[in-house]
Amino acid sequence: MPSTDLLLYLQETDLHSPGPRAAAALAARLGARLDGLYVADLPAAAFSLPEAVPVQLEETRRRCVEAEEHGAQWQQLLATHGLSGQWRVAQGDTVQTVCQAAAGYDFLVMERSQQRSDAPVGFGTVSRCVFGSDRPVLVVPDIAQVGDTIGARALVGWNGSRESALALAAAAPLLQQADEVLLLDGSEMYADSIAVLPPPGLADWLERHGIRARIQTLDSGPTHAAGTLILDAAHAFRADLLVMGAWSRSRLAQMVLGGTTRHLFMHGDLPMLVAH
């Protein structure tokens, strides 16, 4: 059976936050290897003042040495969940380093703060990694209540876009194991776009991939209202995972006009498996 590899990016070395818990639960459910990655950020701007470069490099090296010491704690976390993997430490531009590292994995897991952000939604570290990593990303809000399982009750947000198709395909191994799957079909909002699934359509694709799902039409009117409806539906369904495409229109358009991804990144309180 092919191996599945997960990479968890840790902005801090706290292994007890929702991000590590969700990553461990996902790895256990998929029977996957789980590696942890800490990046001592060294952006290109650090080299703008030559006289400051030695200080920046020394500080980065210090943080790397401190992070390396958490390797034993990482192995203890893995052992608790019956998992294997390694603790990785790197230095460099965070987004570039994470995206490059994620290329060797099947999933990337990232925790996102709902209270503080390094940039507007769509331009922060997590959003830029969703764009740049070319991998499905499990985005875990730091306010999420993460249990021992993830994906037992999954809600899929579907709109017929390329992004939602990528997310659905990536989530298939999880959805095949789910106790219940609810798929909200909002593709009528994208009726003029090219269908990405082969005929005869969505229900047939789900059946052929061994996914038992209840399909419910999402009639939200304006597309900017979909985010609220999806989140409300997820709460009513008691979902522990949300699957959806991310940024099916530009980040700038979403920031100015609003959008489903932006709303859920700002207000979501459960893990979201997204793809771009």
C-alpha atoms as a PDB file:
ATOM      1  CA  MET A   1       0.000   0.000   0.000  1.00  0.00           C
ATOM      2  CA  PRO A   2       1.489   3.406  -0.952  1.00  0.00           C
ATOM      3  CA  SER A   3       2.810   5.511   1.906  1.00  0.00           C
ATOM      4  CA  THR A   4       1.220   8.836   2.787  1.00  0.00           C
ATOM      5  CA  ASP A   5       3.490  11.578   4.106  1.00  0.00           C
ATOM      6  CA  LEU A   6       2.354  14.626   6.093  1.00  0.00           C
ATOM      7  CA  LEU A   7       4.332  17.749   6.919  1.00  0.00           C
ATOM      8  CA  LEU A   8       3.336  19.964   9.839  1.00  0.00           C
ATOM      9  CA  TYR A   9       4.733  23.498   9.794  1.00  0.00           C
ATOM     10  CA  LEU A  10       5.115  24.961  13.280  1.00  0.00           C
ATOM     11  CA  GLN A  11       5.413  28.712  13.687  1.00  0.00           C
ATOM     12  CA  GLU A  12       6.162  28.108  17.370  1.00  0.00           C
ATOM     13  CA  THR A  13       7.616  25.038  19.069  1.00  0.00           C
ATOM     14  CA  ASP A  14       4.470  24.463  21.147  1.00  0.00           C
ATOM     15  CA  LEU A  15       3.390  20.894  20.374  1.00  0.00           C
ATOM     16  CA  HIS A  16       0.152  21.056  22.370  1.00  0.00           C
ATOM     17  CA  SER A  17      -1.761  23.544  20.200  1.00  0.00           C
ATOM     18  CA  PRO A  18      -4.582  22.584  17.779  1.00  0.00           C
ATOM     19  CA  GLY A  19      -2.212  22.328  14.773  1.00  0.00           C
ATOM     20  CA  PRO A  20      -0.092  19.441  16.106  1.00  0.00           C
ATOM     21  CA  ARG A  21      -3.188  17.712  17.518  1.00  0.00           C
ATOM     22  CA  ALA A  22      -4.954  17.874  14.147  1.00  0.00           C
ATOM     23  CA  ALA A  23      -1.831  16.730  12.291  1.00  0.00           C
ATOM     24  CA  ALA A  24      -1.429  13.717  14.592  1.00  0.00           C
ATOM     25  CA  ALA A  25      -5.121  12.816  14.256  1.00  0.00           C
ATOM     26  CA  LEU A  26      -4.955  13.098  10.463  1.00  0.00           C
ATOM     27  CA  ALA A  27      -1.782  11.009  10.280  1.00  0.00           C
ATOM     28  CA  ALA A  28      -3.301   8.328  12.512  1.00  0.00           C
ATOM     29  CA  ARG A  29      -6.465   8.189  10.404  1.00  0.00           C
ATOM     30  CA  LEU A  30      -4.481   7.857   7.167  1.00  0.00           C
ATOM     31  CA  GLY A  31      -1.782   5.588   8.586  1.00  0.00           C
ATOM     32  CA  ALA A  32       0.707   8.231   7.496  1.00  0.00           C
ATOM     33  CA  ARG A  33       4.191   9.376   8.389  1.00  0.00           C
ATOM     34  CA  LEU A  34       4.261  12.782  10.087  1.00  0.00           C
ATOM     35  CA  ASP A  35       7.232  15.151  10.017  1.00  0.00           C
ATOM     36  CA  GLY A  36       7.402  18.445  11.887  1.00  0.00           C
ATOM     37  CA  LEU A  37       9.119  21.509  10.431  1.00  0.00           C
ATOM     38  CA  TYR A  38      10.244  24.630  12.276  1.00  0.00           C
ATOM     39  CA  VAL A  39      11.662  27.494  10.205  1.00  0.00           C
ATOM     40  CA  ALA A  40      13.857  30.206  11.699  1.00  0.00           C
ATOM     41  CA  ASP A  41      12.678  33.013   9.449  1.00  0.00           C
ATOM     42  CA  LEU A  42      15.403  34.824   7.525  1.00  0.00           C
ATOM     43  CA  PRO A  43      13.678  37.003   4.923  1.00  0.00           C
ATOM     44  CA  ALA A  44      15.514  38.656   2.060  1.00  0.00           C
ATOM     45  CA  ALA A  45      14.958  42.007   3.784  1.00  0.00           C
ATOM     46  CA  ALA A  46      17.397  40.865   6.481  1.00  0.00           C
ATOM     47  CA  PHE A  47      20.219  41.475   4.017  1.00  0.00           C
ATOM     48  CA  SER A  48      19.209  45.034   3.121  1.00  0.00           C
ATOM     49  CA  LEU A  49      21.615  46.503   5.686  1.00  0.00           C
ATOM     50  CA  PRO A  50      25.023  44.797   5.322  1.00  0.00           C
ATOM     51  CA  GLU A  51      26.138  45.834   8.796  1.00  0.00           C
ATOM     52  CA  ALA A  52      23.117  44.050  10.325  1.00  0.00           C
ATOM     53  CA  VAL A  53      23.611  40.744   8.496  1.00  0.00           C
ATOM     54  CA  PRO A  54      25.983  39.127  11.066  1.00  0.00           C
ATOM     55  CA  VAL A  55      23.526  39.910  13.874  1.00  0.00           C
ATOM     56  CA  GLN A  56      20.600  38.494  11.876  1.00  0.00           C
ATOM     57  CA  LEU A  57      22.512  35.325  11.028  1.00  0.00           C
ATOM     58  CA  GLU A  58      23.597  34.797  14.622  1.00  0.00           C
ATOM     59  CA  GLU A  59      20.038  35.234  15.898  1.00  0.00           C
ATOM     60  CA  THR A  60      18.743  32.780  13.293  1.00  0.00           C
ATOM     61  CA  ARG A  61      21.397  30.212  14.247  1.00  0.00           C
ATOM     62  CA  ARG A  62      20.451  30.601  17.920  1.00  0.00           C
ATOM     63  CA  ARG A  63      16.790  29.915  17.156  1.00  0.00           C
ATOM     64  CA  CYS A  64      17.746  26.863  15.093  1.00  0.00           C
ATOM     65  CA  VAL A  65      19.807  25.437  17.963  1.00  0.00           C
ATOM     66  CA  GLU A  66      16.943  25.996  20.401  1.00  0.00           C
ATOM     67  CA  ALA A  67      14.459  24.389  17.991  1.00  0.00           C
ATOM     68  CA  GLU A  68      16.659  21.315  17.495  1.00  0.00           C
ATOM     69  CA  GLU A  69      16.285  20.604  21.213  1.00  0.00           C
ATOM     70  CA  HIS A  70      12.581  19.880  20.681  1.00  0.00           C
ATOM     71  CA  GLY A  71      13.354  16.755  18.640  1.00  0.00           C
ATOM     72  CA  ALA A  72      12.888  14.434  21.623  1.00  0.00           C
ATOM     73  CA  GLN A  73       9.553  16.082  22.477  1.00  0.00           C
ATOM     74  CA  TRP A  74       8.430  15.571  18.865  1.00  0.00           C
ATOM     75  CA  GLN A  75       9.303  11.877  18.992  1.00  0.00           C
ATOM     76  CA  GLN A  76       7.349  11.572  22.234  1.00  0.00           C
ATOM     77  CA  LEU A  77       4.292  13.101  20.542  1.00  0.00           C
ATOM     78  CA  LEU A  78       4.590  10.643  17.657  1.00  0.00           C
ATOM     79  CA  ALA A  79       5.008   7.688  19.993  1.00  0.00           C
ATOM     80  CA  THR A  80       1.863   8.668  21.907  1.00  0.00           C
ATOM     81  CA  HIS A  81      -0.144   8.346  18.673  1.00  0.00           C
ATOM     82  CA  GLY A  82       1.731   5.316  17.310  1.00  0.00           C
ATOM     83  CA  LEU A  83       3.270   7.359  14.494  1.00  0.00           C
ATOM     84  CA  SER A  84       6.671   7.651  12.869  1.00  0.00           C
ATOM     85  CA  GLY A  85       8.433  10.706  11.508  1.00  0.00           C
ATOM     86  CA  GLN A  86      11.180  13.190  12.150  1.00  0.00           C
ATOM     87  CA  TRP A  87      11.743  16.700  13.483  1.00  0.00           C
ATOM     88  CA  ARG A  88      13.140  19.117  10.902  1.00  0.00           C
ATOM     89  CA  VAL A  89      14.651  22.557  11.454  1.00  0.00           C
ATOM     90  CA  ALA A  90      15.542  24.982   8.673  1.00  0.00           C
ATOM     91  CA  GLN A  91      16.359  28.637   8.178  1.00  0.00           C
ATOM     92  CA  GLY A  92      15.341  30.966   5.378  1.00  0.00           C
ATOM     93  CA  ASP A  93      12.317  32.791   4.048  1.00  0.00           C
ATOM     94  CA  THR A  94       9.411  30.985   5.720  1.00  0.00           C
ATOM     95  CA  VAL A  95       7.008  30.735   2.773  1.00  0.00           C
ATOM     96  CA  GLN A  96       9.691  29.739   0.304  1.00  0.00           C
ATOM     97  CA  THR A  97      11.157  27.162   2.703  1.00  0.00           C
ATOM     98  CA  VAL A  98       7.794  25.619   3.619  1.00  0.00           C
ATOM     99  CA  CYS A  99       6.662  25.420  -0.023  1.00  0.00           C
ATOM    100  CA  GLN A 100       9.923  23.817  -1.067  1.00  0.00           C
ATOM    101  CA  ALA A 101       9.791  21.296   1.781  1.00  0.00           C
ATOM    102  CA  ALA A 102       6.115  20.468   1.135  1.00  0.00           C
ATOM    103  CA  ALA A 103       6.927  19.312  -2.395  1.00  0.00           C
ATOM    104  CA  GLY A 104       8.012  15.958  -0.960  1.00  0.00           C
ATOM    105  CA  TYR A 105       4.782  15.365   0.983  1.00  0.00           C
ATOM    106  CA  ASP A 106       1.162  14.493   0.250  1.00  0.00           C
ATOM    107  CA  PHE A 107      -0.352  16.995   2.709  1.00  0.00           C
ATOM    108  CA  LEU A 108       0.798  20.155   4.441  1.00  0.00           C
ATOM    109  CA  VAL A 109      -0.673  21.065   7.844  1.00  0.00           C
ATOM    110  CA  MET A 110      -0.562  24.655   9.120  1.00  0.00           C
ATOM    111  CA  GLU A 111      -2.111  26.358  12.133  1.00  0.00           C
ATOM    112  CA  ARG A 112      -3.609  29.796  11.591  1.00  0.00           C
ATOM    113  CA  SER A 113      -4.278  32.392  14.274  1.00  0.00           C
ATOM    114  CA  GLN A 114      -7.767  33.890  14.164  1.00  0.00           C
ATOM    115  CA  GLN A 115      -6.870  36.757  16.492  1.00  0.00           C
ATOM    116  CA  ARG A 116      -3.603  37.952  15.021  1.00  0.00           C
ATOM    117  CA  SER A 117      -2.371  37.787  11.461  1.00  0.00           C
ATOM    118  CA  ASP A 118       0.827  38.825   9.750  1.00  0.00           C
ATOM    119  CA  ALA A 119      -1.093  40.180   6.748  1.00  0.00           C
ATOM    120  CA  PRO A 120      -4.635  40.546   5.368  1.00  0.00           C
ATOM    121  CA  VAL A 121      -6.315  37.212   4.640  1.00  0.00           C
ATOM    122  CA  GLY A 122      -4.940  35.943   1.353  1.00  0.00           C
ATOM    123  CA  PHE A 123      -1.525  37.530   1.809  1.00  0.00           C
ATOM    124  CA  GLY A 124      -0.330  35.985   5.083  1.00  0.00           C
ATOM    125  CA  THR A 125       1.971  33.024   5.547  1.00  0.00           C
ATOM    126  CA  VAL A 126      -0.735  30.330   5.461  1.00  0.00           C
ATOM    127  CA  SER A 127      -2.504  31.791   2.426  1.00  0.00           C
ATOM    128  CA  ARG A 128       0.729  32.198   0.496  1.00  0.00           C
ATOM    129  CA  CYS A 129       1.673  28.583   1.251  1.00  0.00           C
ATOM    130  CA  VAL A 130      -1.747  27.421  -0.001  1.00  0.00           C
ATOM    131  CA  PHE A 131      -0.934  29.225  -3.249  1.00  0.00           C
ATOM    132  CA  GLY A 132       2.724  28.280  -3.487  1.00  0.00           C
ATOM    133  CA  SER A 133       3.016  24.742  -2.145  1.00  0.00           C
ATOM    134  CA  ASP A 134       0.959  22.991  -4.853  1.00  0.00           C
ATOM    135  CA  ARG A 135      -0.233  20.605  -2.134  1.00  0.00           C
ATOM    136  CA  PRO A 136      -3.529  20.199  -0.262  1.00  0.00           C
ATOM    137  CA  VAL A 137      -3.248  22.079   3.020  1.00  0.00           C
ATOM    138  CA  LEU A 138      -5.029  21.309   6.287  1.00  0.00           C
ATOM    139  CA  VAL A 139      -5.568  24.775   7.765  1.00  0.00           C
ATOM    140  CA  VAL A 140      -6.220  24.522  11.502  1.00  0.00           C
ATOM    141  CA  PRO A 141      -7.627  27.590  13.277  1.00  0.00           C
ATOM    142  CA  ASP A 142      -5.984  28.091  16.651  1.00  0.00           C
ATOM    143  CA  ILE A 143      -9.477  28.194  18.199  1.00  0.00           C
ATOM    144  CA  ALA A 144     -10.482  24.801  16.755  1.00  0.00           C
ATOM    145  CA  GLN A 145     -11.621  22.045  19.098  1.00  0.00           C
ATOM    146  CA  VAL A 146      -9.640  19.076  17.782  1.00  0.00           C
ATOM    147  CA  GLY A 147     -10.480  15.588  19.014  1.00  0.00           C
ATOM    148  CA  ASP A 148      -8.749  12.258  18.524  1.00  0.00           C
ATOM    149  CA  THR A 149     -10.342  11.779  15.112  1.00  0.00           C
ATOM    150  CA  ILE A 150     -10.659  14.073  12.139  1.00  0.00           C
ATOM    151  CA  GLY A 151     -12.821  13.519   9.096  1.00  0.00           C
ATOM    152  CA  ALA A 152     -15.389  11.278  10.781  1.00  0.00           C
ATOM    153  CA  ARG A 153     -18.041  13.873   9.919  1.00  0.00           C
ATOM    154  CA  ALA A 154     -16.900  15.814   6.870  1.00  0.00           C
ATOM    155  CA  LEU A 155     -18.621  18.649   5.069  1.00  0.00           C
ATOM    156  CA  VAL A 156     -17.549  19.311   1.463  1.00  0.00           C
ATOM    157  CA  GLY A 157     -18.088  22.708  -0.125  1.00  0.00           C
ATOM    158  CA  TRP A 158     -18.422  22.147  -3.879  1.00  0.00           C
ATOM    159  CA  ASN A 159     -18.777  24.804  -6.573  1.00  0.00           C
ATOM    160  CA  GLY A 160     -17.536  23.016  -9.681  1.00  0.00           C
ATOM    161  CA  SER A 161     -14.277  24.964  -9.793  1.00  0.00           C
ATOM    162  CA  ARG A 162     -10.843  23.519 -10.458  1.00  0.00           C
ATOM    163  CA  GLU A 163      -9.927  24.273  -6.835  1.00  0.00           C
ATOM    164  CA  SER A 164     -12.896  22.413  -5.369  1.00  0.00           C
ATOM    165  CA  ALA A 165     -12.129  19.405  -7.590  1.00  0.00           C
ATOM    166  CA  LEU A 166      -8.529  19.341  -6.357  1.00  0.00           C
ATOM    167  CA  ALA A 167      -9.699  19.509  -2.738  1.00  0.00           C
ATOM    168  CA  LEU A 168     -12.276  16.743  -3.244  1.00  0.00           C
ATOM    169  CA  ALA A 169      -9.716  14.460  -4.906  1.00  0.00           C
ATOM    170  CA  ALA A 170      -7.149  15.123  -2.149  1.00  0.00           C
ATOM    171  CA  ALA A 171      -9.713  14.372   0.563  1.00  0.00           C
ATOM    172  CA  ALA A 172     -10.937  11.136  -1.036  1.00  0.00           C
ATOM    173  CA  PRO A 173      -8.933   8.802   1.297  1.00  0.00           C
ATOM    174  CA  LEU A 174     -10.459  10.561   4.307  1.00  0.00           C
ATOM    175  CA  LEU A 175     -13.980  10.723   2.885  1.00  0.00           C
ATOM    176  CA  GLN A 176     -13.911   7.000   2.086  1.00  0.00           C
ATOM    177  CA  GLN A 177     -13.444   6.326   5.813  1.00  0.00           C
ATOM    178  CA  ALA A 178     -15.896   8.951   7.062  1.00  0.00           C
ATOM    179  CA  ASP A 179     -18.964   8.017   9.075  1.00  0.00           C
ATOM    180  CA  GLU A 180     -20.985  10.736   7.333  1.00  0.00           C
ATOM    181  CA  VAL A 181     -20.275  13.112   4.455  1.00  0.00           C
ATOM    182  CA  LEU A 182     -22.434  16.085   3.539  1.00  0.00           C
ATOM    183  CA  LEU A 183     -21.648  17.768   0.220  1.00  0.00           C
ATOM    184  CA  LEU A 184     -23.043  21.240  -0.354  1.00  0.00           C
ATOM    185  CA  ASP A 185     -23.377  21.732  -4.097  1.00  0.00           C
ATOM    186  CA  GLY A 186     -23.184  25.394  -5.046  1.00  0.00           C
ATOM    187  CA  SER A 187     -22.136  24.781  -8.642  1.00  0.00           C
ATOM    188  CA  GLU A 188     -25.145  26.685  -9.990  1.00  0.00           C
ATOM    189  CA  MET A 189     -23.281  29.827  -8.943  1.00  0.00           C
ATOM    190  CA  TYR A 190     -20.551  28.792 -11.406  1.00  0.00           C
ATOM    191  CA  ALA A 191     -22.861  27.477 -14.128  1.00  0.00           C
ATOM    192  CA  ASP A 192     -20.968  29.313 -16.859  1.00  0.00           C
ATOM    193  CA  SER A 193     -17.623  27.729 -15.992  1.00  0.00           C
ATOM    194  CA  ILE A 194     -16.295  24.519 -17.528  1.00  0.00           C
ATOM    195  CA  ALA A 195     -17.240  21.380 -15.592  1.00  0.00           C
ATOM    196  CA  VAL A 196     -14.094  19.758 -14.206  1.00  0.00           C
ATOM    197  CA  LEU A 197     -15.469  16.310 -13.449  1.00  0.00           C
ATOM    198  CA  PRO A 198     -16.066  13.790 -16.253  1.00  0.00           C
ATOM    199  CA  PRO A 199     -19.695  12.958 -17.072  1.00  0.00           C
ATOM    200  CA  PRO A 200     -22.120  11.864 -15.841  1.00  0.00           C
ATOM    201  CA  GLY A 201     -21.243  14.071 -12.902  1.00  0.00           C
ATOM    202  CA  LEU A 202     -20.605  14.493  -9.216  1.00  0.00           C
ATOM    203  CA  ALA A 203     -22.789  11.726  -7.768  1.00  0.00           C
ATOM    204  CA  ASP A 204     -21.231   9.182 -10.134  1.00  0.00           C
ATOM    205  CA  TRP A 205     -17.695  10.338  -9.259  1.00  0.00           C
ATOM    206  CA  LEU A 206     -18.389   9.953  -5.550  1.00  0.00           C
ATOM    207  CA  GLU A 207     -19.870   6.479  -6.013  1.00  0.00           C
ATOM    208  CA  ARG A 208     -16.961   5.284  -8.183  1.00  0.00           C
ATOM    209  CA  HIS A 209     -14.500   6.474  -5.518  1.00  0.00           C
ATOM    210  CA  GLY A 210     -16.287   4.688  -2.692  1.00  0.00           C
ATOM    211  CA  ILE A 211     -17.550   7.861  -1.003  1.00  0.00           C
ATOM    212  CA  ARG A 212     -21.029   7.709   0.507  1.00  0.00           C
ATOM    213  CA  ALA A 213     -22.236  11.298   0.611  1.00  0.00           C
ATOM    214  CA  ARG A 214     -25.497  13.143   0.944  1.00  0.00           C
ATOM    215  CA  ILE A 215     -25.647  15.918  -1.648  1.00  0.00           C
ATOM    216  CA  GLN A 216     -27.524  19.068  -0.783  1.00  0.00           C
ATOM    217  CA  THR A 217     -27.959  22.027  -3.127  1.00  0.00           C
ATOM    218  CA  LEU A 218     -26.550  25.267  -1.783  1.00  0.00           C
ATOM    219  CA  ASP A 219     -28.740  28.112  -2.969  1.00  0.00           C
ATOM    220  CA  SER A 220     -26.972  31.158  -1.592  1.00  0.00           C
ATOM    221  CA  GLY A 221     -27.697  33.805  -4.189  1.00  0.00           C
ATOM    222  CA  PRO A 222     -24.590  36.009  -4.300  1.00  0.00           C
ATOM    223  CA  THR A 223     -21.385  33.999  -4.025  1.00  0.00           C
ATOM    224  CA  HIS A 224     -20.105  36.220  -1.194  1.00  0.00           C
ATOM    225  CA  ALA A 225     -22.856  34.792   1.039  1.00  0.00           C
ATOM    226  CA  ALA A 226     -21.646  31.197   0.637  1.00  0.00           C
ATOM    227  CA  GLY A 227     -19.056  31.411   3.420  1.00  0.00           C
ATOM    228  CA  THR A 228     -21.642  32.115   6.121  1.00  0.00           C
ATOM    229  CA  LEU A 229     -23.971  29.403   4.841  1.00  0.00           C
ATOM    230  CA  ILE A 230     -21.191  26.790   4.681  1.00  0.00           C
ATOM    231  CA  LEU A 231     -20.011  27.547   8.209  1.00  0.00           C
ATOM    232  CA  ASP A 232     -23.576  27.469   9.574  1.00  0.00           C
ATOM    233  CA  ALA A 233     -24.191  24.165   7.799  1.00  0.00           C
ATOM    234  CA  ALA A 234     -20.941  22.713   9.193  1.00  0.00           C
ATOM    235  CA  HIS A 235     -22.010  23.609  12.735  1.00  0.00           C
ATOM    236  CA  ALA A 236     -25.486  22.166  12.232  1.00  0.00           C
ATOM    237  CA  PHE A 237     -23.974  18.972  10.791  1.00  0.00           C
ATOM    238  CA  ARG A 238     -21.469  18.810  13.676  1.00  0.00           C
ATOM    239  CA  ALA A 239     -18.649  18.481  11.164  1.00  0.00           C
ATOM    240  CA  ASP A 240     -15.093  17.947  12.363  1.00  0.00           C
ATOM    241  CA  LEU A 241     -13.594  18.679   8.923  1.00  0.00           C
ATOM    242  CA  LEU A 242     -14.405  21.071   6.107  1.00  0.00           C
ATOM    243  CA  VAL A 243     -13.192  20.271   2.574  1.00  0.00           C
ATOM    244  CA  MET A 244     -13.175  23.014  -0.056  1.00  0.00           C
ATOM    245  CA  GLY A 245     -11.252  24.711  -2.812  1.00  0.00           C
ATOM    246  CA  ALA A 246      -9.391  27.894  -1.903  1.00  0.00           C
ATOM    247  CA  TRP A 247      -9.212  31.189  -3.789  1.00  0.00           C
ATOM    248  CA  SER A 248     -11.162  30.281  -6.924  1.00  0.00           C
ATOM    249  CA  ARG A 249     -10.866  33.959  -7.732  1.00  0.00           C
ATOM    250  CA  SER A 250      -7.941  36.265  -7.058  1.00  0.00           C
ATOM    251  CA  ARG A 251      -6.812  37.173  -3.557  1.00  0.00           C
ATOM    252  CA  LEU A 252      -7.195  40.878  -4.358  1.00  0.00           C
ATOM    253  CA  ALA A 253     -10.776  40.390  -5.549  1.00  0.00           C
ATOM    254  CA  GLN A 254     -11.607  38.450  -2.391  1.00  0.00           C
ATOM    255  CA  MET A 255     -10.005  41.083  -0.171  1.00  0.00           C
ATOM    256  CA  VAL A 256     -11.959  43.904  -1.850  1.00  0.00           C
ATOM    257  CA  LEU A 257     -15.235  42.162  -2.653  1.00  0.00           C
ATOM    258  CA  GLY A 258     -15.282  39.417  -0.063  1.00  0.00           C
ATOM    259  CA  GLY A 259     -15.418  35.710  -0.787  1.00  0.00           C
ATOM    260  CA  THR A 260     -15.967  32.238   0.637  1.00  0.00           C
ATOM    261  CA  THR A 261     -12.306  31.459   1.344  1.00  0.00           C
ATOM    262  CA  ARG A 262     -11.687  34.823   2.973  1.00  0.00           C
ATOM    263  CA  HIS A 263     -14.755  34.473   5.200  1.00  0.00           C
ATOM    264  CA  LEU A 264     -13.876  30.950   6.336  1.00  0.00           C
ATOM    265  CA  PHE A 265     -10.234  31.830   6.962  1.00  0.00           C
ATOM    266  CA  MET A 266     -11.366  34.766   9.090  1.00  0.00           C
ATOM    267  CA  HIS A 267     -14.267  33.128  10.935  1.00  0.00           C
ATOM    268  CA  GLY A 268     -13.838  29.356  10.608  1.00  0.00           C
ATOM    269  CA  ASP A 269     -13.436  27.356  13.811  1.00  0.00           C
ATOM    270  CA  LEU A 270     -12.810  23.848  12.483  1.00  0.00           C
ATOM    271  CA  PRO A 271     -10.002  22.275  10.436  1.00  0.00           C
ATOM    272  CA  MET A 272     -10.273  22.982   6.696  1.00  0.00           C
ATOM    273  CA  LEU A 273      -8.656  20.821   4.033  1.00  0.00           C
ATOM    274  CA  VAL A 274      -8.161  23.219   1.139  1.00  0.00           C
ATOM    275  CA  ALA A 275      -6.490  23.125  -2.263  1.00  0.00           C
ATOM    276  CA  HIS A 276      -5.624  25.727  -4.855  1.00  0.00           C
END
